[in-house]
């Protein structure tokens, strides 16, 4: 995460977070911290809020009879947490996300698991139609403590160039 202070008036400063388009380099890896331990309440609330009625996420008795022997964390919650963890490093200044692709769920997540994530810059180009912005693509991997991968995906975002972010 890039943190700077911008002088907005003589002797008055405002914190600014995130990266401008120019700050990204293909091949750079951002380790997102802090980690996040997923609780049972997180999983139940998210599952019910999003109207997912599969009992594997909120009925412990049902889930105990599954091959996992316990409730699974909703995969969309896993995606949301890992994307959220990457915001300060990747898209804090973004105009918007342009898309997520190649989402893979490679291992289950259970309540009590602590998630960490890292993003690798895999693409960067100037916008053809917006001269003050560029497109940055990252591959993000979410993993449990100990390094066991649980999710991976690619995400592209429209990022302002220096001097053109809302908080510049």
N, C-alpha and C. Protein backbone atom coordinates (compact mmCIF):
# COMPACT_ATOMS: atom_id res chain seq x y z
N UNK A 1 0.85 -1.17 0.00
CA UNK A 1 0.00 0.00 0.00
C UNK A 1 0.89 1.22 0.00
N UNK A 2 0.58 2.14 -0.86
CA UNK A 2 1.31 3.39 -0.89
C UNK A 2 0.51 4.41 -0.10
N UNK A 3 1.13 4.96 0.92
CA UNK A 3 0.49 5.98 1.74
C UNK A 3 1.29 7.25 1.60
N UNK A 4 0.62 8.33 1.28
CA UNK A 4 1.27 9.62 1.18
C UNK A 4 0.42 10.65 1.90
N UNK A 5 1.00 11.79 2.12
CA UNK A 5 0.25 12.93 2.65
C UNK A 5 0.33 14.04 1.62
N UNK A 6 -0.81 14.63 1.35
CA UNK A 6 -0.90 15.71 0.37
C UNK A 6 -1.16 17.01 1.11
N UNK A 7 -0.37 18.03 0.81
CA UNK A 7 -0.61 19.33 1.43
C UNK A 7 -1.77 19.98 0.68
N UNK A 8 -2.88 20.20 1.39
CA UNK A 8 -4.08 20.76 0.76
C UNK A 8 -4.23 22.25 1.02
N UNK A 9 -3.47 22.75 1.99
CA UNK A 9 -3.39 24.18 2.30
C UNK A 9 -2.08 24.35 3.08
N UNK A 10 -1.58 25.56 3.18
CA UNK A 10 -0.33 25.74 3.92
C UNK A 10 -0.42 25.14 5.33
N UNK A 11 0.45 24.16 5.62
CA UNK A 11 0.49 23.53 6.92
C UNK A 11 -0.63 22.55 7.21
N UNK A 12 -1.46 22.22 6.21
CA UNK A 12 -2.59 21.29 6.40
C UNK A 12 -2.41 20.13 5.42
N UNK A 13 -2.46 18.87 5.95
CA UNK A 13 -2.18 17.68 5.15
C UNK A 13 -3.32 16.69 5.24
N UNK A 14 -3.51 15.94 4.16
CA UNK A 14 -4.52 14.88 4.12
C UNK A 14 -3.85 13.59 3.68
N UNK A 15 -4.15 12.49 4.38
CA UNK A 15 -3.62 11.19 3.97
C UNK A 15 -4.21 10.78 2.64
N UNK A 16 -3.40 10.12 1.85
CA UNK A 16 -3.85 9.57 0.58
C UNK A 16 -3.29 8.16 0.46
N UNK A 17 -4.11 7.23 0.03
CA UNK A 17 -3.71 5.84 -0.07
C UNK A 17 -3.85 5.35 -1.51
N UNK A 18 -3.14 4.30 -1.81
CA UNK A 18 -3.28 3.64 -3.09
C UNK A 18 -2.19 4.02 -4.08
N UNK A 19 -2.29 3.40 -5.24
CA UNK A 19 -1.28 3.60 -6.29
C UNK A 19 -1.91 4.27 -7.51
N UNK A 20 -1.10 5.09 -8.13
CA UNK A 20 -1.46 5.65 -9.43
C UNK A 20 -1.01 4.66 -10.51
N UNK A 21 -1.48 4.84 -11.73
CA UNK A 21 -1.12 3.97 -12.84
C UNK A 21 0.40 3.83 -12.97
N UNK A 22 1.12 4.94 -12.81
CA UNK A 22 2.58 4.92 -12.99
C UNK A 22 3.30 4.08 -11.94
N UNK A 23 2.66 3.81 -10.81
CA UNK A 23 3.29 3.07 -9.72
C UNK A 23 3.32 1.56 -9.94
N UNK A 24 2.56 1.07 -10.89
CA UNK A 24 2.49 -0.37 -11.13
C UNK A 24 3.56 -0.80 -12.13
N UNK A 25 4.19 -1.95 -11.86
CA UNK A 25 5.14 -2.54 -12.79
C UNK A 25 4.83 -4.02 -12.93
N UNK A 26 4.80 -4.49 -14.17
CA UNK A 26 4.55 -5.91 -14.42
C UNK A 26 5.59 -6.73 -13.67
N UNK A 27 5.11 -7.75 -12.99
CA UNK A 27 5.97 -8.62 -12.20
C UNK A 27 6.03 -8.28 -10.72
N UNK A 28 5.62 -7.06 -10.35
CA UNK A 28 5.63 -6.72 -8.93
C UNK A 28 4.58 -7.55 -8.20
N UNK A 29 4.91 -7.96 -6.98
CA UNK A 29 4.02 -8.76 -6.14
C UNK A 29 3.72 -7.97 -4.87
N UNK A 30 2.43 -7.85 -4.55
CA UNK A 30 1.98 -7.17 -3.35
C UNK A 30 1.43 -8.21 -2.38
N UNK A 31 2.03 -8.33 -1.20
CA UNK A 31 1.53 -9.21 -0.16
C UNK A 31 0.54 -8.39 0.67
N UNK A 32 -0.72 -8.80 0.67
CA UNK A 32 -1.77 -8.04 1.34
C UNK A 32 -1.86 -8.44 2.81
N UNK A 33 -1.75 -7.45 3.68
CA UNK A 33 -1.87 -7.67 5.11
C UNK A 33 -2.72 -6.56 5.69
N UNK A 34 -3.40 -6.78 6.78
CA UNK A 34 -3.36 -7.96 7.63
C UNK A 34 -4.19 -9.09 7.05
N UNK A 35 -4.02 -10.26 7.65
CA UNK A 35 -4.87 -11.41 7.31
C UNK A 35 -6.25 -11.21 7.90
N UNK A 36 -7.14 -12.16 7.58
CA UNK A 36 -8.53 -12.07 8.07
C UNK A 36 -9.01 -13.45 8.44
N UNK A 37 -9.37 -13.64 9.72
CA UNK A 37 -9.95 -14.90 10.17
C UNK A 37 -11.45 -14.86 9.92
N UNK A 38 -11.96 -15.87 9.24
CA UNK A 38 -13.38 -15.94 8.90
C UNK A 38 -14.14 -16.57 10.07
N UNK A 39 -15.17 -15.88 10.53
CA UNK A 39 -15.96 -16.39 11.66
C UNK A 39 -17.24 -17.05 11.17
N UNK A 40 -17.86 -17.79 12.05
CA UNK A 40 -19.14 -18.43 11.72
C UNK A 40 -20.19 -17.37 11.41
N UNK A 41 -20.20 -16.28 12.17
CA UNK A 41 -21.16 -15.21 11.89
C UNK A 41 -20.93 -14.58 10.53
N UNK A 42 -19.68 -14.36 10.15
CA UNK A 42 -19.38 -13.83 8.81
C UNK A 42 -20.06 -14.70 7.76
N UNK A 43 -19.85 -16.00 7.88
CA UNK A 43 -20.33 -16.95 6.88
C UNK A 43 -21.85 -17.00 6.85
N UNK A 44 -22.49 -17.08 8.00
CA UNK A 44 -23.95 -17.18 8.05
C UNK A 44 -24.58 -15.89 7.54
N UNK A 45 -24.11 -14.76 8.03
CA UNK A 45 -24.70 -13.49 7.61
C UNK A 45 -24.54 -13.27 6.11
N UNK A 46 -23.35 -13.50 5.58
CA UNK A 46 -23.11 -13.31 4.16
C UNK A 46 -24.00 -14.25 3.34
N UNK A 47 -24.07 -15.50 3.75
CA UNK A 47 -24.85 -16.49 3.02
C UNK A 47 -26.32 -16.10 2.99
N UNK A 48 -26.87 -15.71 4.12
CA UNK A 48 -28.28 -15.35 4.17
C UNK A 48 -28.54 -14.01 3.50
N UNK A 49 -27.63 -13.05 3.66
CA UNK A 49 -27.77 -11.75 3.01
C UNK A 49 -27.84 -11.89 1.50
N UNK A 50 -27.07 -12.81 0.95
CA UNK A 50 -27.03 -12.99 -0.50
C UNK A 50 -28.05 -14.02 -0.98
N UNK A 51 -28.90 -14.49 -0.07
CA UNK A 51 -30.01 -15.41 -0.38
C UNK A 51 -29.54 -16.77 -0.90
N UNK A 52 -28.37 -17.19 -0.46
CA UNK A 52 -27.87 -18.51 -0.81
C UNK A 52 -28.50 -19.49 0.17
N UNK A 53 -29.34 -20.37 -0.31
CA UNK A 53 -30.08 -21.26 0.57
C UNK A 53 -29.46 -22.65 0.72
N UNK A 54 -28.22 -22.82 0.26
CA UNK A 54 -27.59 -24.13 0.41
C UNK A 54 -27.21 -24.34 1.88
N UNK A 55 -27.75 -25.38 2.52
CA UNK A 55 -27.50 -25.59 3.96
C UNK A 55 -26.06 -25.93 4.30
N UNK A 56 -25.25 -26.24 3.32
CA UNK A 56 -23.85 -26.56 3.58
C UNK A 56 -23.11 -25.37 4.21
N UNK A 57 -23.69 -24.16 4.07
CA UNK A 57 -23.06 -22.96 4.59
C UNK A 57 -23.58 -22.52 5.95
N UNK A 58 -24.76 -23.00 6.37
CA UNK A 58 -25.33 -22.47 7.62
C UNK A 58 -26.03 -23.51 8.49
N UNK A 59 -26.06 -24.75 8.08
CA UNK A 59 -26.69 -25.82 8.87
C UNK A 59 -25.59 -26.82 9.25
N UNK A 60 -25.08 -26.66 10.47
CA UNK A 60 -23.95 -27.49 10.90
C UNK A 60 -24.29 -28.97 10.92
N UNK A 61 -25.52 -29.35 11.26
CA UNK A 61 -25.91 -30.76 11.28
C UNK A 61 -25.88 -31.33 9.85
N UNK A 62 -26.47 -30.61 8.92
CA UNK A 62 -26.44 -31.02 7.52
C UNK A 62 -25.00 -31.15 7.04
N UNK A 63 -24.20 -30.11 7.31
CA UNK A 63 -22.82 -30.08 6.83
C UNK A 63 -21.97 -31.19 7.44
N UNK A 64 -22.31 -31.62 8.66
CA UNK A 64 -21.54 -32.68 9.31
C UNK A 64 -21.63 -34.00 8.56
N UNK A 65 -22.67 -34.16 7.74
CA UNK A 65 -22.86 -35.38 6.96
C UNK A 65 -22.22 -35.30 5.56
N UNK A 66 -21.63 -34.14 5.26
CA UNK A 66 -21.00 -33.96 3.94
C UNK A 66 -19.59 -34.55 3.98
N UNK A 67 -18.95 -34.60 2.83
CA UNK A 67 -17.57 -35.10 2.77
C UNK A 67 -16.60 -34.22 3.54
N UNK A 68 -17.02 -32.98 3.85
CA UNK A 68 -16.15 -32.07 4.59
C UNK A 68 -16.31 -32.20 6.10
N UNK A 69 -17.46 -32.74 6.55
CA UNK A 69 -17.72 -32.95 7.97
C UNK A 69 -18.02 -31.69 8.75
N UNK A 70 -18.10 -30.57 8.07
CA UNK A 70 -18.39 -29.29 8.71
C UNK A 70 -18.86 -28.30 7.66
N UNK A 71 -19.41 -27.17 8.13
CA UNK A 71 -19.90 -26.14 7.21
C UNK A 71 -18.75 -25.54 6.41
N UNK A 72 -19.03 -25.28 5.14
CA UNK A 72 -18.08 -24.60 4.26
C UNK A 72 -18.35 -23.10 4.29
N UNK A 73 -17.29 -22.31 4.20
CA UNK A 73 -17.45 -20.88 4.02
C UNK A 73 -17.93 -20.67 2.58
N UNK A 74 -18.93 -19.84 2.43
CA UNK A 74 -19.49 -19.48 1.13
C UNK A 74 -18.35 -18.98 0.23
N UNK A 75 -18.22 -19.57 -0.95
CA UNK A 75 -17.11 -19.21 -1.84
C UNK A 75 -17.17 -17.75 -2.28
N UNK A 76 -18.37 -17.18 -2.36
CA UNK A 76 -18.46 -15.75 -2.72
C UNK A 76 -17.95 -14.87 -1.59
N UNK A 77 -18.08 -15.33 -0.34
CA UNK A 77 -17.49 -14.59 0.78
C UNK A 77 -15.97 -14.66 0.70
N UNK A 78 -15.45 -15.83 0.39
CA UNK A 78 -14.00 -15.96 0.23
C UNK A 78 -13.51 -14.99 -0.83
N UNK A 79 -14.19 -14.96 -1.98
CA UNK A 79 -13.81 -14.03 -3.05
C UNK A 79 -13.88 -12.59 -2.56
N UNK A 80 -14.94 -12.23 -1.87
CA UNK A 80 -15.12 -10.86 -1.40
C UNK A 80 -14.03 -10.45 -0.41
N UNK A 81 -13.69 -11.34 0.51
CA UNK A 81 -12.64 -11.02 1.48
C UNK A 81 -11.30 -10.83 0.78
N UNK A 82 -10.96 -11.74 -0.13
CA UNK A 82 -9.67 -11.66 -0.80
C UNK A 82 -9.59 -10.43 -1.70
N UNK A 83 -10.66 -10.12 -2.42
CA UNK A 83 -10.68 -8.88 -3.21
C UNK A 83 -10.50 -7.69 -2.28
N UNK A 84 -11.25 -7.67 -1.18
CA UNK A 84 -11.15 -6.57 -0.23
C UNK A 84 -9.75 -6.39 0.32
N UNK A 85 -9.08 -7.50 0.59
CA UNK A 85 -7.71 -7.43 1.10
C UNK A 85 -6.77 -6.77 0.09
N UNK A 86 -7.08 -6.89 -1.18
CA UNK A 86 -6.20 -6.36 -2.23
C UNK A 86 -6.45 -4.89 -2.55
N UNK A 87 -7.53 -4.33 -2.07
CA UNK A 87 -7.90 -2.97 -2.47
C UNK A 87 -6.82 -1.94 -2.16
N UNK A 88 -6.27 -1.96 -0.94
CA UNK A 88 -5.31 -0.92 -0.58
C UNK A 88 -4.06 -0.95 -1.47
N UNK A 89 -3.70 -2.11 -1.97
CA UNK A 89 -2.52 -2.23 -2.82
C UNK A 89 -2.82 -2.06 -4.31
N UNK A 90 -4.02 -2.45 -4.73
CA UNK A 90 -4.32 -2.51 -6.17
C UNK A 90 -5.30 -1.44 -6.62
N UNK A 91 -6.40 -1.26 -5.92
CA UNK A 91 -7.48 -0.44 -6.49
C UNK A 91 -7.99 0.68 -5.59
N UNK A 92 -7.22 1.09 -4.61
CA UNK A 92 -7.67 2.15 -3.70
C UNK A 92 -8.01 3.44 -4.46
N UNK A 93 -7.30 3.73 -5.54
CA UNK A 93 -7.55 4.92 -6.34
C UNK A 93 -8.37 4.65 -7.60
N UNK A 94 -8.78 3.42 -7.81
CA UNK A 94 -9.43 3.02 -9.07
C UNK A 94 -10.70 3.82 -9.35
N UNK A 95 -10.93 4.03 -10.62
CA UNK A 95 -12.18 4.60 -11.08
C UNK A 95 -13.24 3.51 -11.03
N UNK A 96 -12.83 2.28 -11.32
CA UNK A 96 -13.75 1.15 -11.26
C UNK A 96 -13.06 -0.14 -11.64
N UNK A 97 -13.64 -1.23 -11.19
CA UNK A 97 -13.21 -2.55 -11.62
C UNK A 97 -13.77 -2.80 -13.01
N UNK A 98 -12.99 -3.42 -13.87
CA UNK A 98 -13.44 -3.72 -15.23
C UNK A 98 -13.84 -5.18 -15.38
N UNK A 99 -13.42 -6.03 -14.44
CA UNK A 99 -13.85 -7.42 -14.51
C UNK A 99 -12.93 -8.35 -13.74
N UNK A 100 -13.49 -9.50 -13.43
CA UNK A 100 -12.77 -10.59 -12.80
C UNK A 100 -12.88 -11.78 -13.73
N UNK A 101 -11.79 -12.49 -13.93
CA UNK A 101 -11.81 -13.67 -14.79
C UNK A 101 -11.04 -14.80 -14.13
N UNK A 102 -11.21 -15.98 -14.68
CA UNK A 102 -10.42 -17.14 -14.31
C UNK A 102 -10.45 -17.42 -12.81
N UNK A 103 -11.64 -17.29 -12.20
CA UNK A 103 -11.79 -17.55 -10.77
C UNK A 103 -11.73 -19.05 -10.54
N UNK A 104 -10.80 -19.46 -9.67
CA UNK A 104 -10.65 -20.88 -9.35
C UNK A 104 -10.69 -21.05 -7.84
N UNK A 105 -11.50 -22.00 -7.39
CA UNK A 105 -11.60 -22.35 -5.98
C UNK A 105 -10.88 -23.68 -5.82
N UNK A 106 -9.71 -23.67 -5.20
CA UNK A 106 -8.85 -24.86 -5.24
C UNK A 106 -8.84 -25.66 -3.94
N UNK A 107 -9.26 -25.06 -2.83
CA UNK A 107 -9.36 -25.77 -1.55
C UNK A 107 -10.48 -25.15 -0.74
N UNK A 108 -11.14 -25.94 0.11
CA UNK A 108 -12.24 -25.40 0.90
C UNK A 108 -11.75 -24.46 2.00
N UNK A 109 -12.65 -23.54 2.40
CA UNK A 109 -12.40 -22.65 3.52
C UNK A 109 -13.45 -22.96 4.57
N UNK A 110 -13.01 -23.04 5.82
CA UNK A 110 -13.89 -23.32 6.94
C UNK A 110 -13.84 -22.16 7.93
N UNK A 111 -14.89 -22.01 8.75
CA UNK A 111 -14.84 -20.97 9.76
C UNK A 111 -13.63 -21.23 10.66
N UNK A 112 -13.01 -20.16 11.05
CA UNK A 112 -11.78 -20.25 11.84
C UNK A 112 -10.52 -20.18 11.01
N UNK A 113 -10.63 -20.38 9.70
CA UNK A 113 -9.46 -20.26 8.83
C UNK A 113 -9.07 -18.78 8.71
N UNK A 114 -7.78 -18.52 8.70
CA UNK A 114 -7.27 -17.17 8.48
C UNK A 114 -6.77 -17.08 7.05
N UNK A 115 -7.26 -16.07 6.35
CA UNK A 115 -6.90 -15.88 4.94
C UNK A 115 -5.86 -14.77 4.79
N UNK A 116 -4.96 -15.00 3.85
CA UNK A 116 -3.98 -14.01 3.41
C UNK A 116 -4.07 -13.97 1.89
N UNK A 117 -3.49 -12.95 1.29
CA UNK A 117 -3.55 -12.86 -0.17
C UNK A 117 -2.34 -12.12 -0.70
N UNK A 118 -2.08 -12.35 -1.99
CA UNK A 118 -1.06 -11.59 -2.69
C UNK A 118 -1.50 -11.43 -4.14
N UNK A 119 -1.08 -10.30 -4.71
CA UNK A 119 -1.41 -10.00 -6.10
C UNK A 119 -0.13 -9.72 -6.88
N UNK A 120 -0.09 -10.26 -8.10
CA UNK A 120 1.03 -10.04 -9.02
C UNK A 120 0.52 -9.23 -10.20
N UNK A 121 1.21 -8.16 -10.52
CA UNK A 121 0.82 -7.34 -11.68
C UNK A 121 1.20 -8.13 -12.94
N UNK A 122 0.19 -8.46 -13.76
CA UNK A 122 0.43 -9.24 -14.98
C UNK A 122 0.15 -8.46 -16.26
N UNK A 123 -0.43 -7.27 -16.12
CA UNK A 123 -0.71 -6.46 -17.30
C UNK A 123 -0.88 -5.00 -16.93
N UNK A 124 -0.48 -4.15 -17.87
CA UNK A 124 -0.60 -2.71 -17.67
C UNK A 124 -0.58 -2.04 -19.03
N UNK A 125 -1.58 -1.20 -19.27
CA UNK A 125 -1.59 -0.45 -20.53
C UNK A 125 -2.36 0.84 -20.34
N UNK A 126 -2.01 1.80 -21.14
CA UNK A 126 -2.74 3.06 -21.11
C UNK A 126 -4.11 2.85 -21.75
N UNK A 127 -5.10 3.57 -21.26
CA UNK A 127 -6.43 3.49 -21.84
C UNK A 127 -6.42 4.15 -23.22
N UNK A 128 -7.05 3.50 -24.18
CA UNK A 128 -7.13 4.06 -25.54
C UNK A 128 -8.09 5.24 -25.61
N UNK A 129 -9.09 5.27 -24.73
CA UNK A 129 -10.12 6.31 -24.81
C UNK A 129 -10.06 7.32 -23.67
N UNK A 130 -9.23 7.06 -22.66
CA UNK A 130 -9.14 7.95 -21.50
C UNK A 130 -7.67 8.28 -21.24
N UNK A 131 -7.18 9.38 -21.75
CA UNK A 131 -5.74 9.67 -21.68
C UNK A 131 -5.20 9.89 -20.26
N UNK A 132 -6.05 10.11 -19.29
CA UNK A 132 -5.57 10.32 -17.92
C UNK A 132 -5.67 9.05 -17.06
N UNK A 133 -5.92 7.91 -17.73
CA UNK A 133 -6.12 6.66 -16.99
C UNK A 133 -5.46 5.50 -17.71
N UNK A 134 -5.29 4.41 -16.96
CA UNK A 134 -4.73 3.20 -17.54
C UNK A 134 -5.41 1.98 -16.95
N UNK A 135 -5.16 0.83 -17.56
CA UNK A 135 -5.75 -0.42 -17.11
C UNK A 135 -4.65 -1.29 -16.54
N UNK A 136 -4.88 -1.75 -15.32
CA UNK A 136 -3.93 -2.63 -14.62
C UNK A 136 -4.63 -3.96 -14.36
N UNK A 137 -3.94 -5.05 -14.67
CA UNK A 137 -4.47 -6.39 -14.42
C UNK A 137 -3.55 -7.12 -13.45
N UNK A 138 -4.16 -7.73 -12.45
CA UNK A 138 -3.41 -8.50 -11.46
C UNK A 138 -3.96 -9.91 -11.37
N UNK A 139 -3.11 -10.85 -10.98
CA UNK A 139 -3.52 -12.20 -10.60
C UNK A 139 -3.39 -12.25 -9.10
N UNK A 140 -4.51 -12.55 -8.43
CA UNK A 140 -4.54 -12.59 -6.97
C UNK A 140 -4.73 -14.02 -6.53
N UNK A 141 -3.99 -14.40 -5.50
CA UNK A 141 -4.11 -15.72 -4.88
C UNK A 141 -4.43 -15.51 -3.41
N UNK A 142 -5.52 -16.15 -2.96
CA UNK A 142 -5.86 -16.16 -1.55
C UNK A 142 -5.43 -17.49 -0.97
N UNK A 143 -4.89 -17.46 0.24
CA UNK A 143 -4.42 -18.70 0.85
C UNK A 143 -4.72 -18.69 2.35
N UNK A 144 -4.80 -19.91 2.89
CA UNK A 144 -4.93 -20.05 4.33
C UNK A 144 -3.56 -19.82 4.96
N UNK A 145 -3.57 -19.57 6.28
CA UNK A 145 -2.31 -19.50 7.02
C UNK A 145 -1.55 -20.79 6.73
N UNK A 146 -0.27 -20.69 6.52
CA UNK A 146 0.52 -21.85 6.16
C UNK A 146 0.73 -21.96 4.66
N UNK A 147 0.06 -21.09 3.89
CA UNK A 147 0.29 -21.05 2.45
C UNK A 147 -0.57 -21.94 1.59
N UNK A 148 -1.59 -22.60 2.15
CA UNK A 148 -2.46 -23.46 1.34
C UNK A 148 -3.36 -22.58 0.48
N UNK A 149 -3.24 -22.64 -0.84
CA UNK A 149 -4.08 -21.79 -1.70
C UNK A 149 -5.55 -22.22 -1.62
N UNK A 150 -6.44 -21.22 -1.65
CA UNK A 150 -7.88 -21.51 -1.64
C UNK A 150 -8.62 -20.90 -2.82
N UNK A 151 -8.09 -19.81 -3.37
CA UNK A 151 -8.77 -19.13 -4.49
C UNK A 151 -7.73 -18.37 -5.30
N UNK A 152 -7.98 -18.26 -6.61
CA UNK A 152 -7.16 -17.41 -7.46
C UNK A 152 -8.07 -16.80 -8.52
N UNK A 153 -7.68 -15.63 -8.99
CA UNK A 153 -8.46 -14.96 -10.03
C UNK A 153 -7.62 -13.84 -10.63
N UNK A 154 -8.07 -13.36 -11.79
CA UNK A 154 -7.48 -12.17 -12.40
C UNK A 154 -8.49 -11.04 -12.30
N UNK A 155 -7.99 -9.84 -12.09
CA UNK A 155 -8.86 -8.67 -11.96
C UNK A 155 -8.23 -7.51 -12.68
N UNK A 156 -9.04 -6.77 -13.43
CA UNK A 156 -8.58 -5.57 -14.13
C UNK A 156 -9.32 -4.37 -13.57
N UNK A 157 -8.58 -3.27 -13.42
CA UNK A 157 -9.17 -2.05 -12.89
C UNK A 157 -8.67 -0.86 -13.70
N UNK A 158 -9.50 0.16 -13.77
CA UNK A 158 -9.17 1.41 -14.43
C UNK A 158 -8.56 2.34 -13.37
N UNK A 159 -7.29 2.68 -13.55
CA UNK A 159 -6.52 3.41 -12.54
C UNK A 159 -6.12 4.78 -13.08
N UNK A 160 -6.30 5.83 -12.28
CA UNK A 160 -5.90 7.16 -12.76
C UNK A 160 -4.39 7.35 -12.76
N UNK A 161 -3.94 8.18 -13.68
CA UNK A 161 -2.54 8.58 -13.69
C UNK A 161 -2.33 9.64 -12.61
N UNK A 162 -1.08 9.82 -12.24
CA UNK A 162 -0.72 10.79 -11.21
C UNK A 162 -1.28 12.17 -11.58
N UNK A 163 -1.88 12.81 -10.61
CA UNK A 163 -2.46 14.13 -10.82
C UNK A 163 -3.91 14.08 -11.27
N UNK A 164 -4.46 12.88 -11.45
CA UNK A 164 -5.83 12.75 -11.97
C UNK A 164 -6.74 11.91 -11.07
N UNK A 165 -6.26 11.52 -9.88
CA UNK A 165 -7.11 10.79 -8.93
C UNK A 165 -7.99 11.78 -8.19
N UNK A 166 -9.08 11.32 -7.64
CA UNK A 166 -9.99 12.18 -6.91
C UNK A 166 -9.28 12.90 -5.77
N UNK A 167 -8.35 12.20 -5.11
CA UNK A 167 -7.69 12.78 -3.95
C UNK A 167 -6.33 13.39 -4.26
N UNK A 168 -6.00 13.62 -5.53
CA UNK A 168 -4.73 14.26 -5.89
C UNK A 168 -4.83 15.77 -5.69
